[in-house]
Amino acid sequence: VESASLLCSSIREQSRGTPLFCDAYDSHAKAYCKRLRAVCEHVKDPKYPADAICGLPLVQDVFTPTERFCCTPRSKCSLHFGWERKKRANIDMKRYRQLLRNDELLHEESRLIRSLSQRAGILGMILNRTVDEEAKQNEDLK
């Protein structure tokens, strides 16, 4: 389902740190891919040496960190296949939700600032958005 959906934009991501989106350029659509980098098929898995171990952190309880991890060779560990990519996707989804929330809060802040600037002024209350016609006519003549 993820690969069948087309998420693209004409603007490349301006990111600091680890990029969130794929940003592979599609010449047919003339746009950049905007799927999460961790789950997009454009991003290739890194090559690991033959003697690399799985490395999945083993935990008994979610709230207590341990120093244990899966020591099975990566090529033989079918139980934890792709765990790093899934973990990266989980982290990226949390980052994306935080960015969306931050954007919502910035819009809310600008709306509140705008509403505060429009009220509480005695001049605005006295004039009640009236227009000085003489000044407007003088500007039109110039």
Protein backbone atom coordinates (compact mmCIF):
# COMPACT_ATOMS: atom_id res chain seq x y z
CA VAL A 1 0.00 0.00 0.00
CA GLU A 2 2.82 2.41 0.90
CA SER A 3 4.66 1.87 -2.40
CA ALA A 4 1.43 2.24 -4.41
CA SER A 5 0.72 5.69 -3.00
CA LEU A 6 2.32 8.68 -4.68
CA LEU A 7 3.53 11.33 -2.27
CA CYS A 8 5.54 13.99 -4.05
CA SER A 9 6.38 17.66 -4.02
CA SER A 10 8.18 20.03 -6.35
CA ILE A 11 10.28 21.30 -3.44
CA ARG A 12 13.21 19.44 -1.94
CA GLU A 13 13.32 19.07 1.87
CA GLN A 14 15.39 21.62 3.77
CA SER A 15 16.43 19.55 6.76
CA ARG A 16 18.91 19.80 9.57
CA GLY A 17 20.32 16.53 10.81
CA THR A 18 18.92 13.24 9.59
CA PRO A 19 16.57 13.77 6.62
CA LEU A 20 12.96 12.78 7.25
CA PHE A 21 11.80 12.25 3.66
CA CYS A 22 13.25 10.27 0.75
CA ASP A 23 13.65 13.20 -1.71
CA ALA A 24 14.48 10.96 -4.69
CA TYR A 25 13.75 12.91 -7.88
CA ASP A 26 11.21 11.36 -10.28
CA SER A 27 11.80 12.74 -13.78
CA HIS A 28 8.40 11.57 -15.06
CA ALA A 29 6.46 13.37 -12.31
CA LYS A 30 9.08 16.15 -12.11
CA ALA A 31 8.84 16.01 -8.34
CA TYR A 32 10.64 14.75 -5.24
CA CYS A 33 9.45 11.66 -3.35
CA LYS A 34 7.97 12.58 0.05
CA ARG A 35 7.63 9.18 1.69
CA LEU A 36 9.38 8.57 4.97
CA ARG A 37 13.02 7.82 4.22
CA ALA A 38 13.07 4.76 6.48
CA VAL A 39 10.32 2.92 4.57
CA CYS A 40 10.79 4.15 0.99
CA GLU A 41 12.00 1.71 -1.66
CA HIS A 42 14.28 4.38 -3.19
CA VAL A 43 16.59 4.19 -0.17
CA LYS A 44 18.89 1.19 -0.26
CA ASP A 45 19.73 -0.84 2.83
CA PRO A 46 23.35 -0.45 3.95
CA LYS A 47 25.78 -3.28 3.26
CA TYR A 48 27.02 -5.03 6.38
CA PRO A 49 30.14 -7.16 6.74
CA ALA A 50 29.68 -10.94 6.83
CA ASP A 51 30.60 -11.13 10.53
CA ALA A 52 28.11 -8.43 11.65
CA ILE A 53 25.73 -9.32 14.48
CA CYS A 54 22.01 -8.56 14.71
CA GLY A 55 22.35 -6.10 17.61
CA LEU A 56 18.67 -5.80 18.60
CA PRO A 57 18.50 -4.54 22.21
CA LEU A 58 16.91 -7.25 24.36
CA VAL A 59 14.56 -5.92 27.02
CA GLN A 60 12.46 -7.75 29.59
CA ASP A 61 10.52 -4.68 30.69
CA VAL A 62 9.96 -1.64 28.49
CA PHE A 63 10.86 0.79 31.27
CA THR A 64 14.17 -0.76 32.37
CA PRO A 65 17.07 -0.53 29.91
CA THR A 66 19.47 -3.46 29.78
CA GLU A 67 22.94 -3.92 28.34
CA ARG A 68 21.92 -7.12 26.52
CA PHE A 69 21.47 -7.44 22.76
CA CYS A 70 21.01 -10.18 20.16
CA CYS A 71 24.41 -11.69 19.36
CA THR A 72 23.21 -13.88 16.48
CA PRO A 73 24.98 -13.20 13.17
CA ARG A 74 22.91 -10.84 11.03
CA SER A 75 22.76 -13.29 8.12
CA LYS A 76 21.25 -16.02 10.35
CA CYS A 77 18.89 -13.97 12.53
CA SER A 78 15.46 -14.26 10.93
CA LEU A 79 13.63 -13.33 14.14
CA HIS A 80 14.72 -9.67 14.08
CA PHE A 81 14.88 -9.08 10.32
CA GLY A 82 14.80 -5.36 9.48
CA TRP A 83 14.53 -4.18 13.09
CA GLU A 84 16.75 -1.13 12.49
CA ARG A 85 14.59 0.12 9.63
CA LYS A 86 11.41 -0.34 11.69
CA LYS A 87 12.96 1.48 14.64
CA ARG A 88 14.07 4.33 12.34
CA ALA A 89 10.55 4.54 10.85
CA ASN A 90 9.04 4.70 14.35
CA ILE A 91 11.41 7.52 15.34
CA ASP A 92 10.73 9.38 12.08
CA MET A 93 6.96 9.13 12.58
CA LYS A 94 7.36 10.66 16.04
CA ARG A 95 9.49 13.45 14.56
CA TYR A 96 6.91 14.06 11.83
CA ARG A 97 4.07 14.27 14.37
CA GLN A 98 6.11 16.74 16.42
CA LEU A 99 6.77 18.87 13.33
CA LEU A 100 3.05 18.92 12.51
CA ARG A 101 2.20 19.85 16.09
CA ASN A 102 4.85 22.59 16.05
CA ASP A 103 3.37 23.95 12.82
CA GLU A 104 -0.13 23.95 14.35
CA LEU A 105 1.16 25.80 17.42
CA LEU A 106 2.93 28.42 15.27
CA HIS A 107 -0.29 29.07 13.32
CA GLU A 108 -2.23 29.31 16.58
CA GLU A 109 0.34 31.73 18.00
CA SER A 110 0.19 33.99 14.93
CA ARG A 111 -3.63 33.93 15.05
CA LEU A 112 -3.60 34.94 18.73
CA ILE A 113 -1.06 37.71 18.16
CA ARG A 114 -3.15 39.04 15.28
CA SER A 115 -6.33 38.99 17.37
CA LEU A 116 -4.58 40.71 20.29
CA SER A 117 -3.24 43.44 18.03
CA GLN A 118 -6.70 44.10 16.58
CA ARG A 119 -8.40 44.58 19.92
CA ALA A 120 -7.46 46.48 23.06
CA GLY A 121 -6.66 49.69 21.17
CA ILE A 122 -8.76 52.70 22.12
CA LEU A 123 -8.29 54.25 18.68
CA GLY A 124 -9.67 51.18 16.95
CA MET A 125 -12.62 51.19 19.30
CA ILE A 126 -13.34 54.88 18.70
CA LEU A 127 -12.99 54.73 14.93
CA ASN A 128 -14.66 51.33 14.67
CA ARG A 129 -12.94 50.79 11.33
CA THR A 130 -14.25 54.01 9.82
CA VAL A 131 -12.56 55.46 6.76
CA ASP A 132 -11.54 59.08 6.38
CA GLU A 133 -13.01 59.91 2.97
CA GLU A 134 -11.16 63.23 2.59
CA ALA A 135 -7.78 61.58 3.13
CA LYS A 136 -8.72 58.81 0.72
CA GLN A 137 -9.73 61.34 -1.98
CA ASN A 138 -6.49 63.29 -1.47
CA GLU A 139 -4.49 60.09 -1.99
CA ASP A 140 -6.44 59.30 -5.16
CA LEU A 141 -5.71 62.77 -6.60
CA LYS A 142 -1.97 62.40 -6.06
